[in-house]
């Protein structure tokens, strides 16, 4: 669900926007289908996931260079997913800024719990306040790791 009015943050040549119309689905799908967490994901699945999330596009001009989406009831809980910055733009603090924009979004204030999964970006997310689970024994999951391979 897209917010009633798009939020935007500008930093030099870069823009973070929640305006769905400004997102480049092909570029986002192109990255995600090669990512370790969503390898082989169908384009239709990416589009559906975006339409049902609050999406944050990181742009340089009109070019999509990064992305994140938040799945949330916008009252108590949010899950951060599909965060990326293209390799050629890494090392400039853009992922940190993207997370700052997410955490500052007016519709995501006052939430009781945030969650995300990462294989290798713990330091990035710790800067936004994320910590390892205090009680991992309370968390349960169903994880269909090869679901996209089965759909092909």
Foldseek 3Di string as FASTA:
>chain_A
DEDPDKDWDDDVQKMKIQPPVLDDLVVLCVVQCVDQQRPLPDSVVSVVVSVQWRKIFIDRVSHTFWIWTWHDPLAAEIEIDSTDGHPVPPPPCPSLVSLVCVCPPPSNPPYNYYYYDDDPPPVSVVVVPDDPDPCVVVDDDDDPRCVSVVVD
